[in-house]
Each structure stands twice: as C-alpha cells, then as structure tokens.
Protein backbone atom coordinates (compact mmCIF):
# COMPACT_ATOMS: atom_id res chain seq x y z
CA MET A 1 12.69 -12.29 -24.31
CA SER A 2 9.49 -11.72 -26.20
CA GLU A 3 8.01 -14.62 -28.12
CA ARG A 4 6.04 -14.14 -31.34
CA ARG A 5 2.95 -15.90 -32.52
CA ARG A 6 2.47 -16.80 -36.16
CA PHE A 7 0.23 -14.56 -38.20
CA LEU A 8 -3.34 -15.77 -38.12
CA THR A 9 -4.37 -16.09 -41.75
CA GLN A 10 -7.92 -17.27 -41.35
CA SER A 11 -10.62 -15.28 -43.08
CA ALA A 12 -11.76 -12.26 -41.06
CA ALA A 13 -15.34 -13.06 -42.02
CA GLY A 14 -15.15 -16.17 -39.84
CA LEU A 15 -13.41 -14.48 -36.92
CA LEU A 16 -14.63 -10.92 -36.65
CA GLY A 17 -17.77 -9.55 -35.09
CA ALA A 18 -20.18 -9.03 -37.99
CA ALA A 19 -21.08 -5.47 -36.99
CA LEU A 20 -17.47 -4.32 -36.96
CA VAL A 21 -15.80 -5.71 -40.07
CA SER A 22 -17.01 -3.46 -42.85
CA ARG A 23 -13.76 -1.53 -43.35
CA VAL A 24 -11.45 -4.40 -42.56
CA GLY A 25 -12.81 -6.82 -45.11
CA ALA A 26 -10.96 -10.10 -45.48
CA ALA A 27 -7.54 -8.80 -44.42
CA SER A 28 -5.38 -11.07 -42.32
CA LEU A 29 -5.10 -10.35 -38.64
CA PRO A 30 -1.95 -8.62 -37.40
CA GLU A 31 0.47 -10.62 -35.32
CA ALA A 32 -0.39 -11.08 -31.64
CA PRO A 33 2.99 -11.09 -29.88
CA ILE A 34 3.14 -12.51 -26.36
CA ARG A 35 5.52 -12.05 -23.47
CA THR A 36 5.61 -14.20 -20.36
CA THR A 37 8.71 -12.98 -18.51
CA PRO A 38 8.07 -10.43 -15.73
CA ASP A 39 11.15 -8.31 -16.42
CA MET A 40 10.91 -4.72 -17.61
CA ALA A 41 11.39 -4.52 -21.37
CA PRO A 42 13.37 -1.66 -22.92
CA PRO A 43 11.41 1.19 -24.51
CA LEU A 44 9.82 0.43 -27.90
CA PHE A 45 11.08 3.12 -30.26
CA PRO A 46 8.82 3.60 -33.30
CA SER A 47 10.11 2.12 -36.56
CA ASN A 48 7.29 3.66 -38.59
CA GLY A 49 4.42 6.08 -38.17
CA ARG A 50 4.68 9.37 -36.29
CA PRO A 51 7.74 9.83 -34.04
CA TYR A 52 7.36 9.86 -30.25
CA ASN A 53 9.39 9.42 -27.07
CA PRO A 54 8.47 5.96 -25.73
CA VAL A 55 7.52 5.06 -22.18
CA VAL A 56 8.92 2.23 -20.08
CA THR A 57 6.41 -0.13 -18.45
CA LEU A 58 7.45 -1.24 -14.97
CA ASN A 59 7.83 -5.06 -15.13
CA GLY A 60 6.11 -4.96 -18.50
CA TRP A 61 6.38 -4.09 -22.19
CA SER A 62 4.77 -2.17 -25.06
CA LEU A 63 2.73 -3.87 -27.79
CA PRO A 64 4.20 -3.78 -31.32
CA TRP A 65 1.95 -2.76 -34.21
CA ARG A 66 1.83 -2.80 -37.98
CA MET A 67 0.91 0.01 -40.37
CA ASN A 68 -1.87 -0.87 -42.82
CA ASN A 69 -3.00 1.84 -45.29
CA GLY A 70 -2.60 4.60 -42.75
CA TRP A 71 -4.01 2.62 -39.80
CA LYS A 72 -1.91 1.61 -36.81
CA GLU A 73 -3.04 -1.97 -36.07
CA PHE A 74 -2.64 -3.85 -32.79
CA HIS A 75 -3.80 -7.33 -31.76
CA LEU A 76 -4.79 -8.04 -28.16
CA VAL A 77 -5.62 -11.58 -27.00
CA ALA A 78 -7.69 -11.92 -23.82
CA GLU A 79 -6.63 -15.20 -22.24
CA PRO A 80 -5.73 -17.06 -19.03
CA VAL A 81 -2.14 -16.29 -18.01
CA VAL A 82 0.34 -17.23 -15.29
CA ARG A 83 1.92 -14.19 -13.69
CA GLN A 84 4.85 -14.39 -11.32
CA ILE A 85 3.86 -12.07 -8.47
CA ALA A 86 7.42 -12.29 -7.09
CA PRO A 87 10.02 -15.09 -7.15
CA GLY A 88 8.44 -17.95 -5.23
CA MET A 89 4.81 -17.18 -6.08
CA ASP A 90 2.81 -17.54 -9.30
CA ALA A 91 -0.81 -16.52 -9.79
CA HIS A 92 -3.30 -18.00 -12.25
CA LEU A 93 -4.88 -14.87 -13.70
CA TRP A 94 -6.60 -13.56 -16.80
CA GLY A 95 -4.81 -10.99 -18.91
CA TYR A 96 -3.71 -10.08 -22.41
CA ASN A 97 -0.95 -11.44 -24.65
CA GLY A 98 0.61 -13.63 -21.99
CA GLN A 99 0.63 -11.21 -19.06
CA SER A 100 -1.35 -9.31 -16.48
CA PRO A 101 -1.47 -6.40 -16.90
CA GLY A 102 -1.54 -6.57 -20.68
CA PRO A 103 1.05 -4.76 -22.79
CA THR A 104 1.08 -0.98 -22.93
CA ILE A 105 -0.37 0.50 -26.12
CA GLU A 106 1.47 3.59 -27.38
CA VAL A 107 0.07 5.80 -30.13
CA VAL A 108 0.39 9.42 -31.22
CA GLU A 109 -2.22 12.15 -31.22
CA GLY A 110 -4.04 11.97 -34.57
CA ASP A 111 -3.23 8.29 -35.24
CA LYS A 112 -5.98 6.19 -36.76
CA VAL A 113 -5.94 3.15 -34.50
CA ARG A 114 -7.40 -0.30 -35.13
CA ILE A 115 -7.29 -2.87 -32.33
CA PHE A 116 -8.20 -6.51 -32.94
CA VAL A 117 -9.35 -8.24 -29.75
CA THR A 118 -9.49 -12.04 -29.71
CA ASN A 119 -11.30 -13.73 -26.82
CA LYS A 120 -9.64 -16.88 -25.48
CA LEU A 121 -11.30 -16.66 -22.08
CA PRO A 122 -13.89 -19.21 -20.90
CA GLU A 123 -16.60 -16.49 -21.05
CA HIS A 124 -17.51 -13.46 -23.15
CA THR A 125 -15.67 -10.16 -22.73
CA SER A 126 -15.27 -6.62 -24.11
CA ILE A 127 -12.74 -3.79 -23.77
CA HIS A 128 -13.43 -0.27 -22.56
CA TRP A 129 -10.88 2.39 -23.55
CA HIS A 130 -10.86 4.32 -20.27
CA GLY A 131 -10.74 8.11 -20.79
CA GLN A 132 -10.68 8.10 -24.61
CA ARG A 133 -12.71 10.37 -26.90
CA LEU A 134 -14.16 8.02 -29.51
CA PRO A 135 -17.39 6.98 -31.27
CA ASN A 136 -19.96 5.66 -28.81
CA GLY A 137 -20.05 2.26 -30.50
CA MET A 138 -16.32 1.80 -29.85
CA ASP A 139 -16.52 2.52 -26.10
CA GLY A 140 -16.61 -1.17 -25.20
CA VAL A 141 -19.51 -1.44 -22.75
CA GLY A 142 -20.92 -4.92 -23.37
CA GLY A 143 -24.67 -4.92 -23.95
CA VAL A 144 -24.83 -1.10 -24.20
CA THR A 145 -22.53 0.01 -27.01
CA GLN A 146 -21.69 -3.38 -28.55
CA PRO A 147 -22.48 -7.08 -28.34
CA HIS A 148 -20.20 -9.01 -25.99
CA ILE A 149 -17.23 -10.70 -27.67
CA PRO A 150 -18.11 -14.42 -27.59
CA VAL A 151 -15.59 -17.09 -26.69
CA GLY A 152 -13.31 -17.77 -29.65
CA LYS A 153 -14.30 -14.67 -31.62
CA THR A 154 -12.40 -11.51 -32.56
CA PHE A 155 -13.86 -8.00 -32.60
CA VAL A 156 -12.32 -4.85 -34.06
CA TYR A 157 -12.22 -1.39 -32.47
CA GLU A 158 -11.43 1.61 -34.68
CA PHE A 159 -11.03 5.24 -33.65
CA GLU A 160 -8.74 8.24 -33.89
CA ALA A 161 -6.48 8.97 -30.92
CA LYS A 162 -7.75 12.52 -30.51
CA ARG A 163 -6.32 13.61 -27.19
CA PRO A 164 -2.78 13.13 -25.85
CA GLY A 165 -2.55 11.78 -22.34
CA THR A 166 -2.53 8.81 -20.01
CA PHE A 167 -5.28 6.18 -20.23
CA MET A 168 -6.18 2.55 -19.43
CA TYR A 169 -8.03 -0.34 -21.00
CA HIS A 170 -10.07 -2.95 -19.13
CA PRO A 171 -13.17 -5.12 -19.64
CA HIS A 172 -16.71 -3.81 -19.35
CA ALA A 173 -18.20 -7.32 -19.22
CA ASP A 174 -18.45 -9.36 -16.01
CA GLU A 175 -16.22 -6.58 -14.75
CA MET A 176 -16.13 -7.72 -11.11
CA THR A 177 -14.65 -11.08 -12.10
CA GLN A 178 -12.48 -10.08 -15.02
CA MET A 179 -10.77 -7.14 -13.34
CA ALA A 180 -10.32 -9.12 -10.11
CA MET A 181 -8.58 -11.73 -12.27
CA GLY A 182 -6.11 -9.13 -13.54
CA MET A 183 -7.54 -7.89 -16.85
CA MET A 184 -6.23 -4.37 -17.38
CA GLY A 185 -3.63 -2.52 -19.40
CA PHE A 186 -2.03 0.87 -19.93
CA TRP A 187 -2.57 3.22 -22.89
CA VAL A 188 -0.44 6.28 -23.72
CA THR A 189 -1.33 8.77 -26.46
CA HIS A 190 1.80 10.81 -27.11
CA PRO A 191 1.53 14.46 -28.22
CA ARG A 192 1.88 15.18 -31.93
CA ASP A 193 4.89 17.38 -31.15
CA PRO A 194 7.61 15.13 -29.63
CA LYS A 195 9.11 18.19 -27.91
CA PHE A 196 5.93 18.94 -25.94
CA MET A 197 6.52 18.29 -22.22
CA ARG A 198 9.44 16.04 -23.07
CA VAL A 199 11.10 14.16 -20.23
CA ASP A 200 14.23 12.01 -20.03
CA ARG A 201 12.54 8.92 -18.53
CA ASP A 202 8.84 8.12 -18.62
CA PHE A 203 7.64 5.20 -16.48
CA VAL A 204 4.12 3.72 -16.45
CA PHE A 205 2.38 1.12 -14.28
CA LEU A 206 -1.03 0.17 -12.89
CA LEU A 207 -2.00 -0.42 -9.27
CA GLY A 208 -3.68 -3.77 -8.58
CA ALA A 209 -5.09 -5.68 -5.62
CA PHE A 210 -5.74 -9.41 -5.28
CA ASP A 211 -7.03 -11.80 -2.64
CA ILE A 212 -5.10 -15.06 -3.02
CA ASP A 213 -5.19 -17.46 -0.09
CA PRO A 214 -1.73 -18.67 1.05
CA GLY A 215 -0.86 -21.83 -0.82
CA SER A 216 -3.35 -21.20 -3.64
CA PHE A 217 -3.01 -19.72 -7.12
CA THR A 218 -6.32 -18.15 -8.15
CA PRO A 219 -7.76 -14.87 -6.80
CA ARG A 220 -11.01 -14.81 -4.87
CA VAL A 221 -13.03 -12.66 -7.24
CA ASN A 222 -15.83 -11.71 -4.84
CA THR A 223 -13.56 -9.96 -2.34
CA MET A 224 -14.45 -6.28 -2.01
CA LEU A 225 -12.24 -4.94 0.78
CA ASP A 226 -9.90 -7.46 2.43
CA PHE A 227 -7.26 -7.95 -0.26
CA ASN A 228 -3.89 -9.39 0.75
CA LEU A 229 -1.70 -8.59 -2.28
CA PHE A 230 -1.24 -4.99 -3.36
CA THR A 231 0.76 -4.65 -6.56
CA PHE A 232 2.57 -2.39 -9.00
CA ASN A 233 1.80 -3.95 -12.40
CA THR A 234 0.78 -7.21 -10.71
CA ARG A 235 4.11 -7.53 -8.90
CA VAL A 236 4.95 -7.14 -5.21
CA PHE A 237 8.24 -6.23 -3.60
CA PRO A 238 10.86 -7.63 -3.89
CA GLY A 239 9.66 -8.59 -7.36
CA ILE A 240 9.06 -5.00 -8.50
CA ASP A 241 11.86 -3.56 -10.63
CA PRO A 242 13.50 -0.34 -9.43
CA LEU A 243 12.99 2.85 -11.41
CA VAL A 244 16.55 3.54 -12.57
CA VAL A 245 17.28 7.13 -13.62
CA ARG A 246 20.28 9.29 -14.36
CA HIS A 247 21.30 12.07 -12.02
CA ASN A 248 19.47 15.29 -12.99
CA ASP A 249 17.08 13.52 -15.38
CA ARG A 250 13.60 14.92 -15.65
CA VAL A 251 11.46 11.91 -14.72
CA ARG A 252 7.76 11.27 -15.31
CA ILE A 253 5.89 8.47 -13.54
CA ARG A 254 2.35 7.69 -14.72
CA VAL A 255 0.21 5.61 -12.37
CA GLY A 256 -3.30 4.24 -12.91
CA ASN A 257 -5.53 2.81 -10.17
CA LEU A 258 -7.91 -0.07 -10.92
CA THR A 259 -8.23 -1.33 -7.34
CA MET A 260 -11.18 -0.80 -4.99
CA THR A 261 -9.53 1.83 -2.79
CA ASN A 262 -7.31 4.89 -3.04
CA HIS A 263 -3.52 4.74 -2.81
CA PRO A 264 -1.33 7.63 -1.53
CA ILE A 265 1.84 7.08 -3.56
CA HIS A 266 4.85 8.60 -1.82
CA LEU A 267 8.36 9.38 -3.10
CA HIS A 268 11.32 9.87 -0.74
CA GLY A 269 14.08 12.43 -1.21
CA HIS A 270 12.40 14.56 -3.89
CA GLU A 271 9.32 16.65 -4.43
CA PHE A 272 7.22 16.37 -7.58
CA GLU A 273 4.31 18.04 -9.35
CA VAL A 274 1.17 16.39 -10.71
CA THR A 275 1.45 17.28 -14.40
CA GLY A 276 -1.31 15.11 -15.84
CA THR A 277 -4.51 13.21 -15.13
CA ASP A 278 -6.67 10.92 -17.28
CA GLY A 279 -8.46 14.14 -18.25
CA GLY A 280 -5.32 15.68 -19.78
CA TRP A 281 -2.25 17.70 -18.87
CA THR A 282 -2.58 20.09 -15.95
CA ASN A 283 -2.03 23.80 -16.48
CA PRO A 284 1.47 24.74 -15.21
CA SER A 285 0.00 27.60 -13.17
CA SER A 286 -2.19 25.11 -11.26
CA ARG A 287 0.64 22.85 -10.08
CA TRP A 288 2.26 22.76 -6.65
CA PRO A 289 5.02 20.66 -5.05
CA GLU A 290 4.07 17.40 -3.35
CA VAL A 291 5.78 14.28 -2.08
CA THR A 292 2.60 12.15 -2.04
CA ALA A 293 -0.15 11.89 -4.67
CA ASP A 294 -3.41 10.23 -3.61
CA ILE A 295 -4.71 8.25 -6.56
CA ALA A 296 -8.39 7.40 -6.28
CA VAL A 297 -10.23 4.47 -7.85
CA GLY A 298 -10.33 4.73 -11.64
CA GLN A 299 -7.90 7.65 -11.76
CA MET A 300 -4.62 8.23 -13.57
CA ARG A 301 -1.90 10.58 -12.37
CA ALA A 302 1.33 11.70 -14.03
CA VAL A 303 3.95 13.19 -11.69
CA GLU A 304 7.26 14.78 -12.68
CA PHE A 305 10.44 15.67 -10.81
CA ILE A 306 14.12 16.37 -11.31
CA ALA A 307 16.21 13.45 -10.00
CA ASP A 308 18.87 15.68 -8.47
CA GLU A 309 19.54 13.66 -5.29
CA LEU A 310 21.72 10.56 -5.65
CA GLY A 311 20.69 7.42 -3.80
CA ASP A 312 18.13 4.62 -3.45
CA TRP A 313 14.89 6.43 -2.67
CA ALA A 314 11.85 4.49 -1.46
CA PHE A 315 8.72 4.78 -3.61
CA HIS A 316 5.58 3.19 -2.22
CA CYS A 317 1.96 3.37 -1.17
CA HIS A 318 1.70 5.07 2.22
CA LYS A 319 -1.02 2.75 3.53
CA SER A 320 1.23 0.55 5.64
CA HIS A 321 -0.76 -2.65 5.12
CA HIS A 322 -0.36 -2.15 1.35
CA THR A 323 3.41 -2.61 1.73
CA MET A 324 3.08 -6.16 3.02
CA ASN A 325 2.54 -9.48 1.29
CA PRO A 326 -0.12 -12.16 2.08
CA MET A 327 -1.29 -11.62 5.60
CA GLY A 328 -4.13 -12.76 7.83
CA HIS A 329 -6.60 -10.06 8.80
CA ASP A 330 -7.79 -12.03 11.84
CA VAL A 331 -4.37 -12.46 13.50
CA PRO A 332 -4.62 -11.00 17.05
CA THR A 333 -2.16 -8.42 18.35
CA MET A 334 0.23 -10.13 20.77
CA ILE A 335 2.46 -7.16 21.62
CA GLY A 336 3.34 -7.22 25.31
CA VAL A 337 1.97 -10.72 25.89
CA ASP A 338 4.48 -12.97 27.68
CA HIS A 339 3.70 -16.45 26.42
CA ARG A 340 7.00 -18.18 27.18
CA GLY A 341 5.33 -20.82 29.33
CA VAL A 342 2.77 -21.52 26.65
CA VAL A 343 5.50 -21.77 23.99
CA GLU A 344 7.33 -24.48 25.96
CA LYS A 345 4.16 -26.56 26.17
CA ILE A 346 3.35 -26.08 22.47
CA ARG A 347 6.88 -27.03 21.41
CA ARG A 348 6.53 -30.41 23.12
CA LEU A 349 3.84 -31.11 20.54
CA VAL A 350 5.07 -28.89 17.65
CA PRO A 351 8.89 -28.62 17.86
CA GLU A 352 9.09 -25.98 15.08
CA TYR A 353 6.53 -23.63 16.67
CA MET A 354 7.65 -19.97 16.60
CA VAL A 355 6.54 -17.03 18.72
CA MET A 356 5.10 -14.22 16.58
CA GLY A 357 4.37 -10.64 17.44
CA GLU A 358 5.04 -10.32 21.18
CA ARG A 359 7.62 -7.56 20.56
CA GLY A 360 6.08 -6.21 17.33
CA MET A 361 6.43 -7.65 13.84
CA ALA A 362 10.00 -6.62 12.99
CA ASP A 363 11.29 -10.16 13.53
CA MET A 364 9.13 -11.29 10.60
CA GLY A 365 11.61 -9.73 8.19
CA SER A 366 14.38 -12.15 9.14
CA MET A 367 12.41 -15.25 10.14
CA GLU A 368 12.75 -18.29 7.94
CA MET A 369 9.53 -19.95 9.00
CA PRO A 370 7.93 -22.66 6.89
CA LEU A 371 5.28 -21.39 4.46
CA PRO A 372 2.74 -23.14 2.24
CA ASP A 373 3.84 -23.68 -1.35
CA ASN A 374 3.36 -20.65 -3.62
CA THR A 375 3.25 -18.23 -0.69
CA LEU A 376 5.47 -15.19 -0.06
CA PRO A 377 6.71 -14.01 3.34
CA MET A 378 4.63 -11.19 4.78
CA MET A 379 7.71 -8.96 5.20
CA THR A 380 10.52 -9.55 2.77
CA GLY A 381 13.45 -8.13 0.87
CA THR A 382 17.01 -7.57 2.09
CA GLY A 383 19.12 -4.47 1.55
CA GLN A 384 22.76 -3.73 2.16
CA TYR A 385 22.01 -3.02 5.84
CA GLY A 386 19.60 -5.88 6.61
CA PRO A 387 15.93 -6.77 6.21
CA ILE A 388 13.88 -4.12 4.42
CA GLU A 389 10.63 -5.39 6.00
CA MET A 390 8.46 -4.34 3.08
CA GLY A 391 6.37 -6.03 0.45
CA GLY A 392 3.43 -5.16 -1.76
CA MET A 393 3.41 -1.67 -3.29
CA PHE A 394 7.05 -0.78 -2.67
CA THR A 395 10.09 -0.23 -4.85
CA MET A 396 12.92 2.29 -5.20
CA VAL A 397 13.89 5.15 -7.47
CA LYS A 398 17.62 4.63 -8.00
CA VAL A 399 19.37 7.86 -9.01
CA ARG A 400 22.87 7.41 -10.41
CA GLN A 401 25.50 9.39 -12.25
CA GLY A 402 27.05 8.25 -15.51
CA LEU A 403 24.22 6.07 -16.86
CA ALA A 404 23.65 5.80 -20.59
CA ARG A 405 20.48 7.44 -21.86
CA ASP A 406 18.61 4.13 -22.27
CA ASP A 407 20.27 2.19 -19.45
CA TYR A 408 17.59 0.83 -17.10
CA LYS A 409 19.60 -2.00 -15.55
CA ASP A 410 19.56 -2.24 -11.76
CA PRO A 411 22.83 -0.58 -10.65
CA GLY A 412 22.85 -2.34 -7.29
CA TRP A 413 22.91 -0.62 -3.91
CA TYR A 414 23.97 3.00 -3.61
CA LYS A 415 27.49 3.56 -2.27
CA HIS A 416 27.06 6.31 0.29
CA PRO A 417 29.86 8.89 0.59
CA PRO A 418 31.72 8.70 3.92
CA GLY A 419 29.89 10.39 6.76
CA THR A 420 26.46 10.36 5.11
CA VAL A 421 24.89 7.30 6.75
CA ALA A 422 22.92 7.45 10.00
CA TYR A 423 25.06 5.98 12.80
CA GLU A 424 24.90 4.85 16.41
CA TRP A 425 25.80 7.35 19.11
CA THR A 426 28.57 5.92 21.28
CA GLY A 427 29.34 8.96 23.46
CA GLN A 428 28.16 9.61 27.00
CA ALA A 429 24.43 9.62 27.45
CA PRO A 430 22.96 12.89 28.81
CA ALA A 431 21.78 12.96 32.42
CA VAL A 432 18.17 12.03 32.87
CA GLN A 433 16.04 15.07 33.56
CA GLN A 434 13.28 14.45 36.10
CA ALA A 435 10.18 16.53 36.59
CA PRO A 436 9.86 18.20 40.06
CA PRO A 437 7.64 16.28 42.50
CA ALA A 438 4.02 17.33 42.74
CA PRO A 439 3.02 19.17 45.95
CA PRO A 440 1.08 17.16 48.58
CA ALA A 441 -2.64 17.14 48.13
CA ALA A 442 -3.19 18.80 51.52
CA ALA A 443 -1.11 21.78 50.47
CA THR A 444 -3.45 22.62 47.66
CA LYS A 445 -6.26 24.95 48.76
CA ARG A 446 -9.47 24.50 46.86
CA VAL A 447 -12.29 27.02 46.82
CA LEU A 448 -15.75 25.95 45.76
CA LYS A 449 -18.55 28.41 45.14
CA VAL A 450 -22.10 27.07 45.52
CA ARG A 451 -25.24 28.95 44.56
CA LYS A 452 -28.42 27.67 46.20
CA PRO A 453 -31.74 28.12 44.46
CA GLY A 454 -33.15 31.45 45.53
CA GLY A 455 -30.20 32.14 47.80
CA HIS A 456 -26.75 33.72 47.71
CA ALA A 457 -23.46 32.22 46.76
CA GLY A 458 -21.50 30.87 49.63
CA HIS A 459 -18.00 29.66 50.24
CA HIS A 460 -17.43 26.08 51.48
C-alpha cells in the first residue's frame, strides 16, 4: 500500500530555487507521496481536472497531484531508494518517491503543470522532461538551461502539456551516474478527447540495465556494455508482474528505453502495430503488423493489438542474454567437455562442487546451487510444466475470458483445452533414410584443360 508523507509547510522562499519561485510565492509544497512495494498499483482515475483514461505502470504506480488555481501540481523527491529486483535480491539505487523508476506522471493535453523537485541525493541533480515541448528554461539541462538543484533544495518546473503522447523524465546532471543508479520515470500526456485512440488496457514501463556484482547491492556506475541485469521497470523475471488482459481487449503497451543498447521486444501469439513514438502518434496509413519492435536508446514506442488468443503468451526482449539474471561474462563454454575425472578429484576437496555447462545450460533452471547473499539464479522461474529458464526482460501477457474491466490480478496458469498442448510422440519411429554411397574416386573421370603461354590448350 502507498504511504503518505506529511505536507511540508516550510516557507517556499527557503526551499525553492530563487530563479523559479516568482509565480509560486510562499505557497506550501504539495504532498510528496511515496511507495516502496514493488507490486503493480491499480490505475489512478482522476478525481479532479480534465478526464482521461489512466495507464497502468508495470510493477509501479502513478503520482497523485493537487489542483491549485488551475495548475496541476506534483511533488517529486530525488532520493536513495531500495528496490527489490526480484524476491531474494534488493538493490541500493537512486530514484524518486521511494522507488526506481519513479512514479508515472499522468496529465492531459492543455494542462498547466507545476512539478516541485526536492533533492535528497548526496549530490546536485536536475530533471529533463524527455520529448516535451516547453520553455527552454524548463528543459532541465543542468548548467545550460538552469542551475543544478543543490542538495537539500527544491526547484519548480512549470509548463503547459502541449502535445499528447508518451514521454520520460530523467536527470541531466551527472547523467552517467544518476541514470546508472536508476533515476528515471514515465510521463504520459493524455489526449484532450478521452475517446481519441481509446484502448481497454494501457500498460507502461521503462527498460533498464544494471551491473551489480553477485552478493553486492550497488550498481557499478561506470559500466558501459557488460551489464548483468536487464529489467522491465527495474524488475527481472520472475519478479515482473504479468500483463493481465481480458479476451478481445484492445491493449496498448508503451515502452521507453533508457539503457545503453537497443532491445527488440517480442510478443508471442499476436501481431501488433506501432501506434506511437516519443514524437507523437503514428499515422494509421503508415502502420504495419509486427511481432517484434526494436526500441533504440532514448526511444519510446507504443504498440497496440487485439488480445483475441487465450493463453499465457511470452513477452520479452529477443536478445537471449537479456533474458537471464546475474551472469559471468568470462565463464568458458564447456559444452562437450567430459570432465568426470576432474569432478571426482575436485569433490574430494569441495564436496558440494557441481558440474556446469557440459551439456548446455538447461540444467541451471533446476539446480539449487548455493549463491552469495542477495544474488538471483541465472535462470529462474517455474511454470506449470517445469523450469521456465528465463530471467531479466521477460514476462507474460495473460489473456483470459470473464475478467472485470479493472481486474489486473494474476489469474494463475492458463488451463489449456484438451488436445491443445504439444505432446510426445509414442508411435513407431520412421525408418532411417540413408543417402546413397558416393562412387569410388577412381570411377570419376576428370578432365583438365591447360593453356601454356604462347601455345595451344591441351588435354592432360
């Protein structure tokens, strides 16, 4: 459940950046609610302001606001947080309002938006509103469009939400460190007309990547390529909630990428269309069916489909090493290596020693090998038929009949109708077909033509 902080009633003159307080005056700050649980919160339906159809943040929540003389006011707190990556592993990150990523901000096209940002980090920060049309001085690039927000201070950002679409927020100060520590959040500007491109279920999440050594808690912020945790909203499978939808719902999934590489996000069992980017909604005549959308660094994509096939459909990044949990990049390939004699000798010294990888890595999904504290298995998760052997950027779209409109609870595993599950063939195996033997080498006549310089071709 969400927890609430008390209203901060100190004078704004003592808390706010001097260059940004002219219209706010000495008003009290709005509440800064926090949430520390990693479960997906229900959609936040608007109690005031313009109406809209809310989104659902995967393993996250939307930030409440207050109306103040026509302004929609939010309060973000940049602070150290503890995020559960999956049951059995916590990470010491930086985020907003108790979590990484921070809460989703939802507004409506034409809203006058005021965001208070309080800095409780050990260093200065700022916030860039990725993809927004706004005054240059509100763009959030520290040192360029504004002073950095010092430790312990609060700055105010004010602008009109001019363009509906899918956006992000993240720091533009010590960006390498702060984004590597998990500072990011989702922003949705809903269209003024609630009927425009309406869908039944609208999910949002950000892609993240971290390098956290097994047994440790804090990311290595200088890593550029060799990350070992690839996340949906700073969660890895099996900690990522499923996307639960009703049969025949029109579903939208909005994904933003703030990692250092692209991610081909793939949906099983359905085809979708890319209906939006961080530049706006795509023209219907420009869309085509896909089952995988490649989302590049810094991009947002909104995809839509009709959930007309019942079942538990995998939804994941198609880079196979992005669907695994902490792993060593320097582990050698041992496939085909017979090291039984070596194992016997090692076990005399280390009785619990286990053979890894000589027949592939599938055994890793069911091994119960000892791990350092605060470390997840590399391949994890169990389904109704055995180990799933996935981690990282993997979850499922669960399509079910008879759900209530706002029911997002996990319905459990899909009950397949009789005769619809792949099965083992137990009949007679077909005869082995062998290729005819090759003719003897002597029976093959070869003719070689040689042309000598200045002479005629001859046969040898």
